[in-house]
Amino acid sequence: MEREIGSVVGGFLMFSDEELREMSGLKRGGDYVEVMCGCTSHRYGDAVGKLRVLANGDLEICCECTPGCQEKLTPSAFEKHSGRETARKWKSNVWVIVAGEKVPVSKTALLKYYNQSSKNAHGSQITHSGQACHRDEFVRCKTCNKERRFHLRTKEECRSYHDASLNANWKCADTLYGPISCNDEEERRSRRVYRGCSRSATCRGCTTCVCFGCTTCRFSECVCQTCIDFTKNAQV
């Protein structure tokens, strides 16, 4: 019988039954675990969302603070988005529901992989490319001229962005992940500054934390010059 708690990735269980016991909104996927979360503002009340924990340490919150709001934010950006007065303390301010009670995410096992990833990024075990993350990027639609966000969490997502960025005639209808049409509103400018970087939510692409070439975002079978150069250098 299929397990209802935990998620198996690469042969290991991300979280044990005990670690996830009685968490509200629990859902598991092939490489993630998702639970209901929220952040409370004394002025605006509770903003709720879905916290997705990926096996590589990334955290992503799909905000549901208002009907129709499905912005995907880092926990830090979600804390600000909720209107929390004491920002910069998202580990304490963002909560999940455990046995009917609000529990700070820092007091759960959900940050296990995030904390490990942070240690590696600041220590000697930085990624093989010497960089720490792939931040979100944008491509402009040829038809409506609106910028569309691309998340670069997996190799498939990186390939989707890579191909779109090389296509001078890319349009909204070509999006592979999630239905988007030219009729959909463009992300507001204040939201677009948040790029999903694990070190800085508003990262502008510094050489310290953004990857400029690795086996996740470069493709040996691709004939573009960027991938050809990377593959050639990687074999030297």
Protein backbone atom coordinates (compact mmCIF):
# COMPACT_ATOMS: atom_id res chain seq x y z
CA MET A 1 0.00 0.00 0.00
CA GLU A 2 1.31 3.48 -0.87
CA ARG A 3 2.60 5.50 2.03
CA GLU A 4 0.67 8.69 2.81
CA ILE A 5 3.46 10.34 4.76
CA GLY A 6 6.94 11.14 3.59
CA SER A 7 8.47 11.21 0.15
CA VAL A 8 11.06 8.85 -1.26
CA VAL A 9 13.81 10.45 -3.36
CA GLY A 10 16.68 8.50 -4.85
CA GLY A 11 15.99 5.58 -2.55
CA PHE A 12 15.83 7.50 0.74
CA LEU A 13 12.92 8.85 2.76
CA MET A 14 12.99 12.66 2.97
CA PHE A 15 11.09 12.77 6.27
CA SER A 16 9.99 10.06 8.65
CA ASP A 17 6.36 9.52 9.66
CA GLU A 18 7.10 11.03 13.05
CA GLU A 19 8.65 14.20 11.60
CA LEU A 20 5.51 14.94 9.57
CA ARG A 21 2.92 13.65 12.00
CA GLU A 22 -0.34 15.67 12.13
CA MET A 23 0.87 18.45 9.78
CA SER A 24 -2.03 20.06 7.94
CA GLY A 25 -2.24 19.98 4.16
CA LEU A 26 0.42 17.31 3.79
CA LYS A 27 1.15 16.28 0.22
CA ARG A 28 4.10 14.42 -1.21
CA GLY A 29 5.61 14.37 -4.69
CA GLY A 30 8.49 12.67 -6.41
CA ASP A 31 11.11 15.06 -4.98
CA TYR A 32 9.22 17.25 -2.52
CA VAL A 33 6.95 17.45 0.50
CA GLU A 34 4.25 20.13 0.76
CA VAL A 35 2.33 21.37 3.80
CA MET A 36 0.01 24.23 4.68
CA CYS A 37 1.82 27.27 6.07
CA GLY A 38 1.17 30.88 6.98
CA CYS A 39 2.49 34.12 8.43
CA THR A 40 0.59 36.40 10.80
CA SER A 41 0.53 40.18 10.64
CA HIS A 42 -0.97 42.06 13.58
CA ARG A 43 -2.40 44.50 11.04
CA TYR A 44 -3.61 42.23 8.24
CA GLY A 45 -4.11 38.91 10.00
CA ASP A 46 -3.06 35.52 8.63
CA ALA A 47 -1.65 35.08 5.14
CA VAL A 48 -1.70 31.41 4.18
CA GLY A 49 0.02 29.36 1.53
CA LYS A 50 1.60 26.02 0.70
CA LEU A 51 5.20 25.42 1.70
CA ARG A 52 7.05 23.08 -0.65
CA VAL A 53 10.28 21.50 0.65
CA LEU A 54 12.54 20.12 -2.08
CA ALA A 55 15.15 17.44 -1.50
CA ASN A 56 17.95 19.81 -2.63
CA GLY A 57 17.17 22.21 0.21
CA ASP A 58 15.12 24.77 -1.73
CA LEU A 59 11.96 26.15 -0.11
CA GLU A 60 9.07 27.64 -2.07
CA ILE A 61 5.75 29.01 -0.88
CA CYS A 62 2.73 29.26 -3.16
CA CYS A 63 0.83 32.16 -1.61
CA GLU A 64 -2.94 31.97 -1.16
CA CYS A 65 -3.39 35.14 0.90
CA THR A 66 -6.27 36.28 -1.31
CA PRO A 67 -8.43 34.45 -3.88
CA GLY A 68 -6.43 34.20 -7.09
CA CYS A 69 -3.07 35.02 -5.50
CA GLN A 70 -0.74 32.17 -6.37
CA GLU A 71 2.60 33.95 -6.27
CA LYS A 72 5.55 31.63 -5.70
CA LEU A 73 7.85 33.15 -3.11
CA THR A 74 10.83 32.36 -0.95
CA PRO A 75 9.94 32.17 2.77
CA SER A 76 11.63 35.56 3.30
CA ALA A 77 9.66 37.15 0.46
CA PHE A 78 6.44 35.52 1.73
CA GLU A 79 7.07 37.05 5.17
CA LYS A 80 7.30 40.53 3.60
CA HIS A 81 4.37 39.85 1.26
CA SER A 82 2.17 38.97 4.24
CA GLY A 83 2.80 42.39 5.81
CA ARG A 84 4.56 40.99 8.84
CA GLU A 85 5.81 43.92 10.91
CA THR A 86 8.99 42.22 12.15
CA ALA A 87 10.48 40.95 8.93
CA ARG A 88 13.85 39.18 8.52
CA LYS A 89 12.83 36.46 11.00
CA TRP A 90 10.97 34.14 8.67
CA LYS A 91 12.13 30.96 10.38
CA SER A 92 10.19 32.09 13.46
CA ASN A 93 7.37 34.01 11.76
CA VAL A 94 6.38 31.48 9.10
CA TRP A 95 4.33 28.72 10.72
CA VAL A 96 2.78 25.37 9.87
CA ILE A 97 -0.22 23.71 11.51
CA VAL A 98 0.68 20.71 13.66
CA ALA A 99 -2.14 18.98 15.55
CA GLY A 100 -4.27 22.09 15.09
CA GLU A 101 -1.67 24.49 16.50
CA LYS A 102 0.54 27.07 14.74
CA VAL A 103 4.16 25.98 15.07
CA PRO A 104 7.14 28.07 13.80
CA VAL A 105 8.79 26.27 10.90
CA SER A 106 12.09 26.49 12.79
CA LYS A 107 10.67 24.11 15.41
CA THR A 108 9.87 21.42 12.87
CA ALA A 109 12.00 19.07 10.78
CA LEU A 110 11.04 20.88 7.57
CA LEU A 111 14.25 22.96 7.49
CA LYS A 112 16.50 19.90 7.68
CA TYR A 113 17.60 20.05 4.03
CA TYR A 114 17.52 23.85 3.85
CA ASN A 115 19.95 24.12 6.77
CA GLN A 116 22.25 21.51 5.25
CA SER A 117 22.20 23.37 1.92
CA SER A 118 23.02 26.67 3.63
CA LYS A 119 26.02 25.14 5.39
CA ASN A 120 27.32 23.71 2.13
CA ALA A 121 26.85 26.98 0.28
CA HIS A 122 28.94 28.86 2.85
CA GLY A 123 31.52 26.15 3.41
CA SER A 124 33.88 24.03 1.38
CA GLN A 125 31.14 21.87 -0.18
CA ILE A 126 29.82 24.50 -2.59
CA THR A 127 28.36 23.14 -5.85
CA HIS A 128 30.71 21.64 -8.44
CA SER A 129 30.37 24.76 -10.60
CA GLY A 130 31.53 26.97 -7.71
CA GLN A 131 28.09 28.60 -7.55
CA ALA A 132 25.22 28.19 -5.12
CA CYS A 133 21.93 28.45 -6.98
CA HIS A 134 19.90 29.00 -10.11
CA ARG A 135 17.71 32.02 -9.53
CA ASP A 136 14.43 32.62 -11.36
CA GLU A 137 14.74 34.21 -14.81
CA PHE A 138 12.35 35.91 -17.23
CA VAL A 139 11.61 35.68 -20.95
CA ARG A 140 9.56 38.26 -22.86
CA CYS A 141 6.68 37.09 -25.04
CA LYS A 142 7.02 38.03 -28.71
CA THR A 143 3.24 38.46 -29.05
CA CYS A 144 2.14 40.39 -25.93
CA ASN A 145 5.54 41.75 -24.82
CA LYS A 146 4.94 40.56 -21.23
CA GLU A 147 7.75 39.03 -19.17
CA ARG A 148 7.12 35.52 -17.86
CA ARG A 149 8.90 33.91 -14.94
CA PHE A 150 10.88 30.68 -15.27
CA HIS A 151 11.76 28.71 -12.12
CA LEU A 152 15.09 26.89 -12.43
CA ARG A 153 14.83 24.23 -9.74
CA THR A 154 15.24 21.13 -11.89
CA LYS A 155 17.12 20.16 -15.04
CA GLU A 156 13.83 20.08 -16.97
CA GLU A 157 12.96 23.63 -15.86
CA CYS A 158 16.47 24.81 -16.73
CA ARG A 159 16.10 23.31 -20.21
CA SER A 160 12.73 24.98 -20.69
CA TYR A 161 14.21 28.39 -19.86
CA HIS A 162 17.35 27.72 -21.90
CA ASP A 163 15.34 26.92 -25.04
CA ALA A 164 12.92 29.82 -24.52
CA SER A 165 15.74 32.35 -24.04
CA LEU A 166 17.25 31.29 -27.38
CA ASN A 167 13.94 31.50 -29.22
CA ALA A 168 13.46 35.02 -30.59
CA ASN A 169 9.81 34.16 -31.33
CA TRP A 170 8.97 32.65 -27.93
CA LYS A 171 5.40 33.31 -26.80
CA CYS A 172 3.28 32.61 -23.75
CA ALA A 173 1.56 29.64 -25.38
CA ASP A 174 4.94 27.87 -25.62
CA THR A 175 5.19 27.56 -21.81
CA LEU A 176 5.61 23.94 -20.75
CA TYR A 177 5.05 24.33 -17.01
CA GLY A 178 1.63 25.71 -16.09
CA PRO A 179 -1.02 27.18 -18.42
CA ILE A 180 -0.18 30.79 -19.36
CA SER A 181 -1.75 32.87 -22.11
CA CYS A 182 -1.18 36.38 -23.37
CA ASN A 183 -4.42 37.35 -21.61
CA ASP A 184 -2.89 36.68 -18.18
CA GLU A 185 -1.58 39.69 -16.28
CA GLU A 186 2.16 40.23 -16.09
CA GLU A 187 3.72 40.01 -12.64
CA ARG A 188 3.78 43.43 -11.05
CA ARG A 189 7.16 45.14 -11.01
CA SER A 190 7.50 44.98 -7.21
CA ARG A 191 7.09 41.20 -7.40
CA ARG A 192 9.55 40.68 -10.27
CA VAL A 193 12.49 41.87 -8.15
CA TYR A 194 12.20 38.65 -6.13
CA ARG A 195 14.21 36.04 -8.00
CA GLY A 196 14.16 32.98 -5.74
CA CYS A 197 17.82 33.22 -4.75
CA SER A 198 18.59 31.30 -1.55
CA ARG A 199 20.98 34.00 -0.35
CA SER A 200 19.13 37.17 -1.34
CA ALA A 201 15.51 37.32 -2.46
CA THR A 202 16.29 40.34 -4.64
CA CYS A 203 19.57 39.00 -6.04
CA ARG A 204 20.60 40.80 -9.24
CA GLY A 205 22.85 38.02 -10.47
CA CYS A 206 26.13 38.43 -8.58
CA THR A 207 28.93 35.96 -9.30
CA THR A 208 28.90 34.77 -5.67
CA CYS A 209 25.58 32.96 -5.70
CA VAL A 210 24.27 32.59 -9.26
CA CYS A 211 25.38 29.69 -11.41
CA PHE A 212 26.85 30.55 -14.81
CA GLY A 213 27.25 26.98 -16.01
CA CYS A 214 26.87 23.47 -14.61
CA THR A 215 25.52 20.07 -15.68
CA THR A 216 22.03 21.11 -14.55
CA CYS A 217 21.72 24.20 -16.73
CA ARG A 218 24.00 23.22 -19.65
CA PHE A 219 23.21 20.42 -22.10
CA SER A 220 25.69 18.28 -24.01
CA GLU A 221 23.23 17.56 -26.84
CA CYS A 222 22.40 21.26 -27.35
CA VAL A 223 24.02 22.96 -30.37
CA CYS A 224 24.05 26.51 -28.97
CA GLN A 225 27.51 28.00 -28.49
CA THR A 226 27.07 28.36 -24.72
CA CYS A 227 26.43 24.64 -24.24
CA ILE A 228 29.12 23.64 -26.75
CA ASP A 229 31.71 25.74 -24.92
CA PHE A 230 30.67 24.36 -21.52
CA THR A 231 30.77 20.73 -22.72
CA LYS A 232 34.17 21.27 -24.34
CA ASN A 233 35.65 22.89 -21.22
CA ALA A 234 34.13 20.23 -18.92
CA GLN A 235 35.95 17.51 -20.85
CA VAL A 236 39.33 19.22 -20.63
